[in-house]
Amino acid sequence: MGIFGKIKKIFEFSFTIKEDAPPLTPRQERGLALGAIYASEGHLPINALTADADPATAAKVVAGAWQATDTESARASYRYLLERGHRGIYQLVAPHVEALWSDMSGSRKELRARHERAGAELAARAVQFGMDPAEVQHYATNWGRCSAALEKELPAPRAASIAAWDAARIVHVSRLFVDAKFIEPDEAWEMIDRAVELARPHYASWGEFTQGFLAGRAFWQAAQSDYPDSEKIASSVGTFKFHADELLTREDSPWRSASW
């Protein structure tokens, strides 16, 4: 997109509002704000627990993205995000990659030996925390392959936690689960309350939350193939960064009305 296209996009930007949505309580407003970056990017209502999708469409989306086809499998998705998500594996992998690539001195043989030792240590730690060593190594390899290319969108220091990524997804899937009629709104709001509890200890502001979300999305996307496309990941993160910046700065943003 050229400079004039970017300027036009900025001036035309607005959040989507559902005019007939029931008013939110302060608790609901605070919870829904966790997923506002998804709502803004996807042009979904920022003031309602819905993706404005008919049940069949919503069911198709969550079946493909989450393998959720009914109430029980939807609840399994909630359990995954609340109990595991990507935050645990990130906390193992991110420091490992940073340490491994911060020192490239030595001969090729020495570098290879260093990588092998680090890989063995990472595998041992994965087992210690009940994770699959092969999965952890896959994330580490791919994060190492594309991490440097993300410096513009994810400046150092990188987020210490990507709990924001898991918390935001709880809100996002809740919209779809409710639209698909897999989950009743009361249960969805309860899960969103738990997402707030998950995210709040890790960040001091919506700005920090943004960094955690963007790092989490890039981390997840890097592991979606054997050879990650760094430019594609950077572009995707850049898109979400644009919407996060709007949420951080606009007066009509839910991040302004629902303080961290």
Protein backbone atom coordinates (compact mmCIF):
# COMPACT_ATOMS: atom_id res chain seq x y z
CA MET A 1 0.00 0.00 0.00
CA GLY A 2 1.41 3.41 -1.00
CA ILE A 3 1.68 6.40 1.30
CA PHE A 4 -1.56 7.94 0.02
CA GLY A 5 -3.36 4.64 0.55
CA LYS A 6 -2.09 4.49 4.12
CA ILE A 7 -3.20 8.06 4.79
CA LYS A 8 -6.65 7.33 3.36
CA LYS A 9 -6.91 4.18 5.45
CA ILE A 10 -6.11 6.10 8.61
CA PHE A 11 -8.63 8.86 7.95
CA GLU A 12 -11.37 6.40 7.01
CA PHE A 13 -10.79 4.12 10.01
CA SER A 14 -13.60 3.63 12.51
CA PHE A 15 -14.59 0.97 15.00
CA THR A 16 -17.64 -1.16 14.27
CA ILE A 17 -20.53 -0.49 16.65
CA LYS A 18 -23.63 -2.65 17.00
CA GLU A 19 -26.37 -0.09 17.48
CA ASP A 20 -28.96 -2.45 18.99
CA ALA A 21 -26.53 -4.20 21.38
CA PRO A 22 -27.58 -4.35 25.02
CA PRO A 23 -25.53 -2.06 27.28
CA LEU A 24 -22.45 -3.62 28.82
CA THR A 25 -21.72 -3.65 32.51
CA PRO A 26 -18.28 -2.27 33.50
CA ARG A 27 -17.12 -5.87 34.03
CA GLN A 28 -18.31 -6.93 30.59
CA GLU A 29 -16.82 -3.85 28.97
CA ARG A 30 -13.46 -4.61 30.59
CA GLY A 31 -13.59 -8.23 29.50
CA LEU A 32 -14.65 -7.53 25.93
CA ALA A 33 -11.80 -5.02 25.61
CA LEU A 34 -9.33 -7.91 25.78
CA GLY A 35 -10.54 -8.99 22.34
CA ALA A 36 -10.84 -5.50 20.87
CA ILE A 37 -7.73 -5.92 18.73
CA TYR A 38 -9.41 -8.88 16.99
CA ALA A 39 -12.70 -6.99 16.70
CA SER A 40 -11.00 -3.97 15.18
CA GLU A 41 -8.99 -6.02 12.68
CA GLY A 42 -12.01 -8.13 11.69
CA HIS A 43 -14.52 -5.24 11.65
CA LEU A 44 -16.54 -6.96 14.38
CA PRO A 45 -18.67 -5.05 16.91
CA ILE A 46 -16.48 -3.76 19.71
CA ASN A 47 -19.48 -3.31 22.00
CA ALA A 48 -21.18 -6.73 21.82
CA LEU A 49 -20.42 -10.39 22.44
CA THR A 50 -21.00 -11.43 18.85
CA ALA A 51 -19.18 -11.73 15.56
CA ASP A 52 -22.46 -10.87 13.83
CA ALA A 53 -22.37 -14.30 12.17
CA ASP A 54 -25.26 -16.65 11.59
CA PRO A 55 -25.04 -19.97 13.49
CA ALA A 56 -23.97 -22.03 10.45
CA THR A 57 -21.18 -19.63 9.51
CA ALA A 58 -19.90 -19.35 13.07
CA ALA A 59 -19.98 -23.13 13.47
CA LYS A 60 -18.00 -23.58 10.27
CA VAL A 61 -15.33 -21.12 11.41
CA VAL A 62 -14.75 -22.71 14.82
CA ALA A 63 -14.85 -26.22 13.35
CA GLY A 64 -12.00 -25.33 11.04
CA ALA A 65 -9.92 -23.20 13.39
CA TRP A 66 -10.62 -24.92 16.71
CA GLN A 67 -12.07 -28.33 15.85
CA ALA A 68 -15.06 -27.26 17.95
CA THR A 69 -18.30 -28.80 16.77
CA ASP A 70 -20.49 -28.72 19.88
CA THR A 71 -20.64 -27.52 23.48
CA GLU A 72 -18.16 -30.02 24.87
CA SER A 73 -15.50 -29.39 22.24
CA ALA A 74 -16.01 -25.63 22.67
CA ARG A 75 -15.36 -26.08 26.39
CA ALA A 76 -12.24 -28.06 25.54
CA SER A 77 -11.00 -25.04 23.59
CA TYR A 78 -11.59 -22.88 26.64
CA ARG A 79 -9.66 -25.32 28.82
CA TYR A 80 -6.75 -25.29 26.40
CA LEU A 81 -6.53 -21.51 26.37
CA LEU A 82 -6.98 -21.09 30.12
CA GLU A 83 -4.72 -23.91 31.23
CA ARG A 84 -2.08 -24.03 28.51
CA GLY A 85 -2.30 -21.90 25.37
CA HIS A 86 1.00 -20.78 23.87
CA ARG A 87 2.31 -18.83 26.85
CA GLY A 88 4.07 -21.73 28.56
CA ILE A 89 5.97 -22.90 25.49
CA TYR A 90 6.90 -19.29 24.67
CA GLN A 91 8.46 -18.82 28.09
CA LEU A 92 10.71 -21.79 27.39
CA VAL A 93 11.51 -21.00 23.78
CA ALA A 94 11.92 -17.20 23.70
CA PRO A 95 14.84 -16.95 26.18
CA HIS A 96 16.44 -20.01 24.57
CA VAL A 97 16.38 -18.44 21.11
CA GLU A 98 17.57 -15.07 22.38
CA ALA A 99 20.51 -16.61 24.22
CA LEU A 100 21.41 -18.91 21.35
CA TRP A 101 21.52 -16.23 18.68
CA SER A 102 23.03 -13.46 20.80
CA ASP A 103 26.51 -14.97 20.53
CA MET A 104 27.62 -16.14 17.09
CA SER A 105 31.33 -16.12 17.83
CA GLY A 106 33.52 -19.16 17.33
CA SER A 107 34.12 -21.65 14.56
CA ARG A 108 31.38 -23.50 12.71
CA LYS A 109 32.20 -26.59 14.74
CA GLU A 110 31.91 -24.68 18.01
CA LEU A 111 28.61 -23.13 16.94
CA ARG A 112 27.23 -26.54 16.02
CA ALA A 113 28.26 -27.96 19.39
CA ARG A 114 26.70 -24.99 21.16
CA HIS A 115 23.43 -25.49 19.29
CA GLU A 116 23.41 -29.20 20.12
CA ARG A 117 23.97 -28.54 23.83
CA ALA A 118 21.28 -25.88 23.87
CA GLY A 119 18.87 -28.22 22.07
CA ALA A 120 19.47 -30.97 24.59
CA GLU A 121 18.94 -28.55 27.46
CA LEU A 122 15.69 -27.29 25.91
CA ALA A 123 14.41 -30.84 25.43
CA ALA A 124 15.18 -31.64 29.07
CA ARG A 125 13.32 -28.56 30.25
CA ALA A 126 10.37 -29.45 28.03
CA VAL A 127 10.13 -32.86 29.68
CA GLN A 128 10.47 -31.23 33.11
CA PHE A 129 7.42 -29.07 32.40
CA GLY A 130 5.39 -31.87 30.84
CA MET A 131 5.72 -30.62 27.26
CA ASP A 132 6.46 -32.51 24.07
CA PRO A 133 10.20 -31.99 23.31
CA ALA A 134 9.63 -32.32 19.55
CA GLU A 135 6.92 -29.65 19.61
CA VAL A 136 9.07 -27.34 21.70
CA GLN A 137 12.02 -27.81 19.35
CA HIS A 138 9.80 -27.06 16.35
CA TYR A 139 8.75 -23.76 17.90
CA ALA A 140 12.34 -22.95 18.83
CA THR A 141 13.67 -23.67 15.34
CA ASN A 142 11.03 -21.63 13.58
CA TRP A 143 11.14 -18.75 16.06
CA GLY A 144 14.89 -18.61 15.56
CA ARG A 145 14.46 -18.58 11.78
CA CYS A 146 12.15 -15.56 11.71
CA SER A 147 12.71 -13.71 14.97
CA ALA A 148 15.40 -11.39 13.62
CA ALA A 149 13.21 -10.43 10.65
CA LEU A 150 10.54 -9.16 13.05
CA GLU A 151 12.68 -6.50 14.70
CA LYS A 152 10.73 -3.64 13.10
CA GLU A 153 7.34 -4.89 14.26
CA LEU A 154 8.52 -6.49 17.51
CA PRO A 155 11.33 -4.30 18.84
CA ALA A 156 13.55 -5.52 21.67
CA PRO A 157 13.12 -6.27 24.44
CA ARG A 158 10.53 -8.83 23.43
CA ALA A 159 7.46 -9.37 25.58
CA ALA A 160 8.23 -11.55 28.57
CA SER A 161 4.76 -13.13 28.38
CA ILE A 162 2.27 -13.78 25.60
CA ALA A 163 -0.64 -14.34 27.98
CA ALA A 164 -2.31 -11.49 26.06
CA TRP A 165 -2.46 -13.70 22.96
CA ASP A 166 -4.24 -16.48 24.84
CA ALA A 167 -6.56 -14.07 26.68
CA ALA A 168 -7.58 -12.20 23.52
CA ARG A 169 -8.40 -15.47 21.80
CA ILE A 170 -10.73 -16.44 24.64
CA VAL A 171 -12.82 -13.36 23.86
CA HIS A 172 -12.62 -13.96 20.12
CA VAL A 173 -13.77 -17.59 20.25
CA SER A 174 -16.47 -16.64 22.75
CA ARG A 175 -18.09 -14.43 20.11
CA LEU A 176 -18.16 -17.33 17.67
CA PHE A 177 -19.21 -19.95 20.22
CA VAL A 178 -22.17 -17.78 21.21
CA ASP A 179 -23.12 -17.12 17.59
CA ALA A 180 -22.85 -20.85 16.82
CA LYS A 181 -25.08 -21.53 19.86
CA PHE A 182 -22.47 -23.86 21.34
CA ILE A 183 -22.11 -21.71 24.47
CA GLU A 184 -24.67 -19.58 26.30
CA PRO A 185 -23.72 -15.93 26.88
CA ASP A 186 -23.54 -16.31 30.68
CA GLU A 187 -20.96 -19.06 30.36
CA ALA A 188 -19.01 -17.07 27.77
CA TRP A 189 -18.87 -14.04 30.08
CA GLU A 190 -17.60 -16.30 32.85
CA MET A 191 -14.78 -17.52 30.61
CA ILE A 192 -13.99 -13.92 29.64
CA ASP A 193 -13.76 -13.01 33.33
CA ARG A 194 -11.18 -15.75 33.68
CA ALA A 195 -9.32 -14.34 30.68
CA VAL A 196 -9.07 -11.02 32.50
CA GLU A 197 -7.67 -12.81 35.54
CA LEU A 198 -5.19 -14.59 33.26
CA ALA A 199 -3.89 -11.45 31.58
CA ARG A 200 -3.85 -8.75 34.25
CA PRO A 201 -0.89 -10.00 36.35
CA HIS A 202 1.40 -10.00 33.31
CA TYR A 203 1.00 -6.40 32.15
CA ALA A 204 0.76 -2.90 33.57
CA SER A 205 -1.01 -1.24 30.62
CA TRP A 206 -2.79 -1.81 27.33
CA GLY A 207 0.50 -0.95 25.64
CA GLU A 208 2.24 -3.86 27.35
CA PHE A 209 -0.75 -6.06 26.57
CA THR A 210 -0.33 -5.10 22.90
CA GLN A 211 3.30 -6.22 22.87
CA GLY A 212 2.32 -9.55 24.41
CA PHE A 213 -0.43 -10.08 21.85
CA LEU A 214 1.75 -9.21 18.85
CA ALA A 215 4.61 -11.41 20.04
CA GLY A 216 2.14 -14.23 20.64
CA ARG A 217 0.62 -13.97 17.20
CA ALA A 218 4.03 -13.96 15.54
CA PHE A 219 5.17 -16.90 17.69
CA TRP A 220 2.07 -18.91 16.77
CA GLN A 221 2.28 -18.03 13.09
CA ALA A 222 5.96 -18.97 12.89
CA ALA A 223 5.13 -22.52 13.92
CA GLN A 224 2.39 -23.08 11.33
CA SER A 225 4.81 -24.48 8.74
CA ASP A 226 8.23 -26.09 8.57
CA TYR A 227 9.70 -23.04 6.88
CA PRO A 228 8.02 -19.84 8.12
CA ASP A 229 7.58 -16.92 5.76
CA SER A 230 9.08 -14.06 7.77
CA GLU A 231 7.76 -11.36 5.46
CA LYS A 232 4.22 -12.73 5.66
CA ILE A 233 4.42 -12.92 9.45
CA ALA A 234 5.79 -9.37 9.67
CA SER A 235 2.96 -8.13 7.43
CA SER A 236 0.34 -9.85 9.58
CA VAL A 237 1.82 -8.48 12.78
CA GLY A 238 1.97 -5.04 11.18
CA THR A 239 -1.74 -5.19 10.42
CA PHE A 240 -2.62 -6.01 14.01
CA LYS A 241 -0.15 -3.38 15.22
CA PHE A 242 -2.04 -0.75 13.21
CA HIS A 243 -5.29 -1.71 14.92
CA ALA A 244 -3.63 -1.80 18.34
CA ASP A 245 -2.28 1.70 17.76
CA GLU A 246 -5.80 2.89 16.95
CA LEU A 247 -7.08 1.30 20.14
CA LEU A 248 -4.32 2.96 22.15
CA THR A 249 -4.84 6.45 20.76
CA ARG A 250 -8.44 7.03 19.65
CA GLU A 251 -10.84 8.72 22.06
CA ASP A 252 -13.64 6.28 21.13
CA SER A 253 -11.50 3.23 21.87
CA PRO A 254 -12.66 0.72 24.49
CA TRP A 255 -9.07 0.78 25.75
CA ARG A 256 -9.60 4.42 26.72
CA SER A 257 -12.90 3.82 28.53
CA ALA A 258 -11.84 0.54 30.17
CA SER A 259 -8.51 1.32 31.77
CA TRP A 260 -6.10 -1.53 32.36
